[in-house]
Amino acid sequence: MENIFRHRQGCLGRASRHGSRVPAADATVTGLSSRFRAMFAYNYMVTSIRMITQELDGFASELSTALEHKYVDNARWPKKSAGAARLAGAVRLAAPGKDRR
């Protein structure tokens, strides 16, 4: 009879011998492994989206420049003098024939 009880105690597993510590440790390990996988997947997706955004931004800039060179007539704008070149960021010249408001 004693052998049967000993056998059953051995079959109950780690939880019966160690109380509730082992299942908690198993749950912690499982949770951490899920967290790390999710973190790496998130960082991979953020990096991929950032690269795609930069590529699209570069394409939009190149397209805008190409369209401007092809379709915008820059001949009607006055040439900048040396003094106006220094103020290029601060002062915007109006197109000839338009009011300055």
C-alpha atoms as a PDB file:
ATOM      1  CA  MET A   1       0.000   0.000   0.000  1.00  0.00           C
ATOM      2  CA  GLU A   2       2.823   2.404   0.754  1.00  0.00           C
ATOM      3  CA  ASN A   3       4.254   1.900  -2.725  1.00  0.00           C
ATOM      4  CA  ILE A   4       1.015   3.048  -4.310  1.00  0.00           C
ATOM      5  CA  PHE A   5       0.986   6.299  -2.330  1.00  0.00           C
ATOM      6  CA  ARG A   6       4.633   6.960  -3.046  1.00  0.00           C
ATOM      7  CA  HIS A   7       4.059   6.362  -6.723  1.00  0.00           C
ATOM      8  CA  ARG A   8       1.095   8.750  -6.782  1.00  0.00           C
ATOM      9  CA  GLN A   9       3.069  11.439  -4.981  1.00  0.00           C
ATOM     10  CA  GLY A  10       5.824  11.129  -7.565  1.00  0.00           C
ATOM     11  CA  CYS A  11       3.319  11.347 -10.409  1.00  0.00           C
ATOM     12  CA  LEU A  12       1.784  14.561  -9.139  1.00  0.00           C
ATOM     13  CA  GLY A  13       4.767  16.462 -10.503  1.00  0.00           C
ATOM     14  CA  ARG A  14       6.791  19.449  -9.459  1.00  0.00           C
ATOM     15  CA  ALA A  15       3.846  21.553  -8.292  1.00  0.00           C
ATOM     16  CA  SER A  16       2.987  19.214  -5.439  1.00  0.00           C
ATOM     17  CA  ARG A  17       6.549  19.126  -4.140  1.00  0.00           C
ATOM     18  CA  HIS A  18       7.303  22.844  -4.413  1.00  0.00           C
ATOM     19  CA  GLY A  19       3.938  24.404  -3.748  1.00  0.00           C
ATOM     20  CA  SER A  20       2.914  27.173  -6.125  1.00  0.00           C
ATOM     21  CA  ARG A  21       6.438  28.472  -6.861  1.00  0.00           C
ATOM     22  CA  VAL A  22       7.142  26.330  -9.912  1.00  0.00           C
ATOM     23  CA  PRO A  23       3.962  27.167 -11.854  1.00  0.00           C
ATOM     24  CA  ALA A  24       4.601  30.841 -11.133  1.00  0.00           C
ATOM     25  CA  ALA A  25       8.164  30.514 -12.428  1.00  0.00           C
ATOM     26  CA  ASP A  26       6.908  28.706 -15.533  1.00  0.00           C
ATOM     27  CA  ALA A  27       4.380  31.471 -16.139  1.00  0.00           C
ATOM     28  CA  THR A  28       7.099  34.110 -15.675  1.00  0.00           C
ATOM     29  CA  VAL A  29       9.423  32.420 -18.166  1.00  0.00           C
ATOM     30  CA  THR A  30       6.581  32.055 -20.666  1.00  0.00           C
ATOM     31  CA  GLY A  31       5.579  35.700 -20.233  1.00  0.00           C
ATOM     32  CA  LEU A  32       9.145  36.961 -20.640  1.00  0.00           C
ATOM     33  CA  SER A  33       9.742  34.881 -23.751  1.00  0.00           C
ATOM     34  CA  SER A  34       6.518  36.260 -25.259  1.00  0.00           C
ATOM     35  CA  ARG A  35       7.563  39.784 -24.323  1.00  0.00           C
ATOM     36  CA  PHE A  36      10.962  39.477 -25.978  1.00  0.00           C
ATOM     37  CA  ARG A  37       9.497  38.068 -29.175  1.00  0.00           C
ATOM     38  CA  ALA A  38       6.918  40.849 -29.286  1.00  0.00           C
ATOM     39  CA  MET A  39       9.600  43.478 -28.614  1.00  0.00           C
ATOM     40  CA  PHE A  40      11.813  42.248 -31.453  1.00  0.00           C
ATOM     41  CA  ALA A  41       8.850  42.057 -33.839  1.00  0.00           C
ATOM     42  CA  TYR A  42       7.757  45.591 -32.899  1.00  0.00           C
ATOM     43  CA  ASN A  43      11.266  47.019 -33.391  1.00  0.00           C
ATOM     44  CA  TYR A  44      11.587  45.236 -36.744  1.00  0.00           C
ATOM     45  CA  MET A  45       8.273  46.666 -37.952  1.00  0.00           C
ATOM     46  CA  VAL A  46       9.106  50.188 -36.726  1.00  0.00           C
ATOM     47  CA  THR A  47      12.465  50.075 -38.510  1.00  0.00           C
ATOM     48  CA  SER A  48      10.865  48.762 -41.705  1.00  0.00           C
ATOM     49  CA  ILE A  49       8.183  51.455 -41.677  1.00  0.00           C
ATOM     50  CA  ARG A  50      10.806  54.148 -41.022  1.00  0.00           C
ATOM     51  CA  MET A  51      12.876  52.956 -44.011  1.00  0.00           C
ATOM     52  CA  ILE A  52       9.814  52.890 -46.283  1.00  0.00           C
ATOM     53  CA  THR A  53       8.840  56.393 -45.118  1.00  0.00           C
ATOM     54  CA  GLN A  54      12.327  57.720 -45.870  1.00  0.00           C
ATOM     55  CA  GLU A  55      12.287  56.147 -49.332  1.00  0.00           C
ATOM     56  CA  LEU A  56       8.883  57.668 -50.090  1.00  0.00           C
ATOM     57  CA  ASP A  57      10.029  61.051 -48.774  1.00  0.00           C
ATOM     58  CA  GLY A  58      13.078  60.950 -51.049  1.00  0.00           C
ATOM     59  CA  PHE A  59      10.922  59.964 -54.015  1.00  0.00           C
ATOM     60  CA  ALA A  60       8.462  62.799 -53.331  1.00  0.00           C
ATOM     61  CA  SER A  61      11.327  65.277 -53.103  1.00  0.00           C
ATOM     62  CA  GLU A  62      12.848  64.084 -56.386  1.00  0.00           C
ATOM     63  CA  LEU A  63       9.459  64.151 -58.117  1.00  0.00           C
ATOM     64  CA  SER A  64       8.738  67.653 -56.841  1.00  0.00           C
ATOM     65  CA  THR A  65      12.137  68.873 -58.049  1.00  0.00           C
ATOM     66  CA  ALA A  66      11.696  67.235 -61.461  1.00  0.00           C
ATOM     67  CA  LEU A  67       8.228  68.757 -61.920  1.00  0.00           C
ATOM     68  CA  GLU A  68       9.484  72.166 -60.823  1.00  0.00           C
ATOM     69  CA  HIS A  69      12.376  72.063 -63.291  1.00  0.00           C
ATOM     70  CA  LYS A  70      10.089  70.974 -66.095  1.00  0.00           C
ATOM     71  CA  TYR A  71       6.990  73.124 -65.554  1.00  0.00           C
ATOM     72  CA  VAL A  72       7.954  76.184 -63.472  1.00  0.00           C
ATOM     73  CA  ASP A  73       9.222  79.200 -65.392  1.00  0.00           C
ATOM     74  CA  ASN A  74      11.936  80.740 -63.255  1.00  0.00           C
ATOM     75  CA  ALA A  75      12.853  83.390 -65.856  1.00  0.00           C
ATOM     76  CA  ARG A  76      10.232  85.865 -64.576  1.00  0.00           C
ATOM     77  CA  TRP A  77      11.774  85.991 -61.098  1.00  0.00           C
ATOM     78  CA  PRO A  78      14.476  88.641 -60.606  1.00  0.00           C
ATOM     79  CA  LYS A  79      18.046  87.515 -60.109  1.00  0.00           C
ATOM     80  CA  LYS A  80      19.273  87.908 -56.570  1.00  0.00           C
ATOM     81  CA  SER A  81      22.030  90.369 -55.880  1.00  0.00           C
ATOM     82  CA  ALA A  82      24.795  89.662 -53.371  1.00  0.00           C
ATOM     83  CA  GLY A  83      22.895  91.550 -50.653  1.00  0.00           C
ATOM     84  CA  ALA A  84      19.630  89.770 -51.422  1.00  0.00           C
ATOM     85  CA  ALA A  85      21.378  86.399 -51.347  1.00  0.00           C
ATOM     86  CA  ARG A  86      22.305  86.983 -47.698  1.00  0.00           C
ATOM     87  CA  LEU A  87      18.661  87.690 -46.848  1.00  0.00           C
ATOM     88  CA  ALA A  88      17.223  84.861 -48.928  1.00  0.00           C
ATOM     89  CA  GLY A  89      15.777  83.049 -45.938  1.00  0.00           C
ATOM     90  CA  ALA A  90      14.351  86.190 -44.277  1.00  0.00           C
ATOM     91  CA  VAL A  91      12.890  88.174 -47.195  1.00  0.00           C
ATOM     92  CA  ARG A  92      10.776  86.775 -49.986  1.00  0.00           C
ATOM     93  CA  LEU A  93      10.654  88.771 -53.208  1.00  0.00           C
ATOM     94  CA  ALA A  94       7.261  89.258 -54.827  1.00  0.00           C
ATOM     95  CA  ALA A  95       6.759  88.343 -58.456  1.00  0.00           C
ATOM     96  CA  PRO A  96       6.972  91.298 -60.875  1.00  0.00           C
ATOM     97  CA  GLY A  97       3.569  92.892 -61.435  1.00  0.00           C
ATOM     98  CA  LYS A  98       2.044  91.677 -58.182  1.00  0.00           C
ATOM     99  CA  ASP A  99       1.261  93.865 -55.160  1.00  0.00           C
ATOM    100  CA  ARG A 100       3.292  93.593 -52.061  1.00  0.00           C
ATOM    101  CA  ARG A 101       0.976  93.235 -49.126  1.00  0.00           C
END
